[in-house]
Protein backbone atom coordinates (compact mmCIF):
# COMPACT_ATOMS: atom_id res chain seq x y z
CA UNK A 1 35.00 -135.68 54.69
CA UNK A 2 35.13 -131.93 55.30
CA UNK A 3 32.47 -129.82 57.01
CA UNK A 4 31.48 -128.30 53.67
CA UNK A 5 30.86 -131.78 52.27
CA UNK A 6 28.57 -132.64 55.21
CA UNK A 7 26.66 -129.36 54.80
CA UNK A 8 26.29 -129.92 51.05
CA UNK A 9 25.08 -133.47 51.57
CA UNK A 10 22.51 -132.41 54.16
CA UNK A 11 21.11 -129.62 51.92
CA UNK A 12 20.65 -131.80 48.91
CA UNK A 13 20.71 -130.78 45.27
CA UNK A 14 17.87 -128.26 45.49
CA UNK A 15 19.25 -126.68 48.65
CA UNK A 16 22.64 -126.21 46.99
CA UNK A 17 20.95 -124.86 43.88
CA UNK A 18 18.89 -122.36 45.92
CA UNK A 19 22.06 -121.20 47.72
CA UNK A 20 23.93 -120.82 44.43
CA UNK A 21 21.14 -118.89 42.68
CA UNK A 22 20.61 -116.45 45.57
CA UNK A 23 24.25 -115.45 45.82
CA UNK A 24 24.89 -111.85 44.79
CA UNK A 25 27.38 -112.72 42.03
CA UNK A 26 24.83 -114.84 40.16
CA UNK A 27 22.16 -112.16 40.36
CA UNK A 28 24.64 -109.50 39.15
CA UNK A 29 25.63 -111.77 36.28
CA UNK A 30 21.97 -112.31 35.35
CA UNK A 31 21.36 -108.56 35.24
CA UNK A 32 24.50 -108.16 33.10
CA UNK A 33 23.34 -110.85 30.63
CA UNK A 34 19.90 -109.24 30.29
CA UNK A 35 21.39 -105.77 29.73
CA UNK A 36 23.90 -107.28 27.28
CA UNK A 37 21.11 -108.94 25.28
CA UNK A 38 19.20 -105.68 25.13
CA UNK A 39 22.33 -103.81 24.03
CA UNK A 40 22.99 -106.49 21.36
CA UNK A 41 19.49 -105.87 19.98
CA UNK A 42 20.30 -102.14 19.71
CA UNK A 43 23.60 -102.84 17.92
CA UNK A 44 21.88 -105.32 15.57
CA UNK A 45 19.35 -102.67 14.66
CA UNK A 46 22.08 -100.05 14.15
CA UNK A 47 24.01 -102.34 11.84
CA UNK A 48 21.09 -103.91 9.92
CA UNK A 49 18.74 -100.94 9.72
CA UNK A 50 21.18 -98.04 9.41
CA UNK A 51 24.73 -99.01 8.48
CA UNK A 52 24.02 -101.76 5.96
CA UNK A 53 21.55 -99.69 3.90
CA UNK A 54 24.01 -96.76 3.90
CA UNK A 55 26.80 -99.06 2.68
CA UNK A 56 24.29 -100.52 0.19
CA UNK A 57 23.90 -97.06 -1.37
CA UNK A 58 27.58 -97.05 -2.28
CA UNK A 59 27.58 -100.57 -3.75
CA UNK A 60 24.30 -99.90 -5.59
CA UNK A 61 22.20 -102.48 -3.77
CA UNK A 62 19.35 -102.30 -1.25
CA UNK A 63 21.56 -103.25 1.67
CA UNK A 64 24.95 -104.89 2.15
CA UNK A 65 23.15 -107.82 3.82
CA UNK A 66 21.46 -108.59 0.47
CA UNK A 67 24.84 -109.28 -1.20
CA UNK A 68 24.92 -112.97 -2.10
CA UNK A 69 27.60 -114.94 -3.92
CA UNK A 70 26.34 -117.80 -6.07
CA UNK A 71 28.55 -120.85 -6.32
CA UNK A 72 26.72 -123.56 -8.26
CA UNK A 73 23.55 -124.36 -6.33
CA UNK A 74 24.91 -122.77 -3.13
CA UNK A 75 24.11 -119.21 -2.08
CA UNK A 76 26.82 -117.65 0.11
CA UNK A 77 25.29 -114.75 2.00
CA UNK A 78 28.47 -112.75 2.39
CA UNK A 79 26.52 -109.64 3.39
CA UNK A 80 25.12 -111.33 6.52
CA UNK A 81 28.62 -112.41 7.46
CA UNK A 82 29.95 -108.86 7.07
CA UNK A 83 27.03 -107.57 9.20
CA UNK A 84 27.91 -110.12 11.90
CA UNK A 85 31.55 -109.02 11.84
CA UNK A 86 30.51 -105.36 12.15
CA UNK A 87 28.20 -106.28 15.07
CA UNK A 88 31.09 -108.07 16.75
CA UNK A 89 33.47 -105.16 16.25
CA UNK A 90 31.00 -102.62 17.66
CA UNK A 91 30.25 -104.79 20.71
CA UNK A 92 33.96 -105.46 21.27
CA UNK A 93 34.74 -101.75 21.03
CA UNK A 94 32.03 -100.83 23.55
CA UNK A 95 33.18 -103.62 25.90
CA UNK A 96 36.79 -102.45 25.59
CA UNK A 97 35.76 -98.84 26.42
CA UNK A 98 33.71 -100.01 29.41
CA UNK A 99 36.57 -102.10 30.81
CA UNK A 100 39.01 -99.25 30.26
CA UNK A 101 36.74 -96.79 32.10
CA UNK A 102 36.13 -99.25 34.94
CA UNK A 103 39.86 -99.88 35.32
CA UNK A 104 40.56 -96.16 35.39
CA UNK A 105 37.85 -95.69 38.04
CA UNK A 106 39.29 -98.57 40.10
CA UNK A 107 42.80 -97.10 39.88
CA UNK A 108 41.49 -93.68 40.96
CA UNK A 109 39.60 -95.22 43.88
CA UNK A 110 42.72 -97.13 44.97
CA UNK A 111 44.83 -93.96 44.78
CA UNK A 112 42.23 -92.07 46.83
CA UNK A 113 42.11 -94.86 49.40
CA UNK A 114 45.90 -94.83 49.62
CA UNK A 115 45.96 -91.04 50.08
CA UNK A 116 43.27 -91.26 52.80
CA UNK A 117 45.22 -94.06 54.51
CA UNK A 118 48.39 -91.91 54.45
CA UNK A 119 46.49 -88.94 55.86
CA UNK A 120 44.93 -90.98 58.63
CA UNK A 121 48.26 -92.45 59.77
CA UNK A 122 48.45 -91.44 63.37
CA UNK A 123 50.29 -92.87 66.26
CA UNK A 124 48.34 -95.75 67.71
CA UNK A 125 46.57 -95.11 71.00
CA UNK A 126 48.81 -96.41 73.78
CA UNK A 127 47.55 -99.28 75.86
CA UNK A 128 46.79 -98.82 79.56
CA UNK A 129 50.03 -100.62 80.38
CA UNK A 130 52.07 -98.27 78.18
CA UNK A 131 50.46 -95.23 79.81
CA UNK A 132 51.30 -96.54 83.29
CA UNK A 133 54.87 -97.34 82.29
CA UNK A 134 55.29 -93.84 80.83
CA UNK A 135 53.98 -92.29 84.06
CA UNK A 136 56.36 -94.44 86.15
CA UNK A 137 59.28 -93.43 83.90
CA UNK A 138 58.40 -89.75 84.24
CA UNK A 139 58.11 -90.05 88.04
CA UNK A 140 61.48 -91.80 88.27
CA UNK A 141 63.03 -89.03 86.16
CA UNK A 142 61.67 -86.40 88.61
CA UNK A 143 62.96 -88.27 91.64
CA UNK A 144 66.30 -88.55 90.48
């Protein structure tokens, strides 16, 4: 049994849960999920309230979402499916752009850190022993 196992056992389920939920990564993820849900609502409104009616003008219907295929007693709401696909494509495009920008920022930061590291390369400060040995060497050179 490892030390981690003993600590986990002593904390109990709720102690472990409290530790998990208060970690920074979980809180960051929660904020991301909330912002993502809000952004999805904006994209849904863009697609359903603006794009679908505009497309509906061209196909001579109120909105593309109102397009329904009738197959016997079944109604296939193809317009809703197309709206969902458009939602997905918009969200995927925005996510792709965000990841691309973040990667570019990360690469730039790494390059800057590398440049700073190269600029800061100096000779290490000699230890006390090295200083004394250098002095002894210099004295011996003078003597003879």
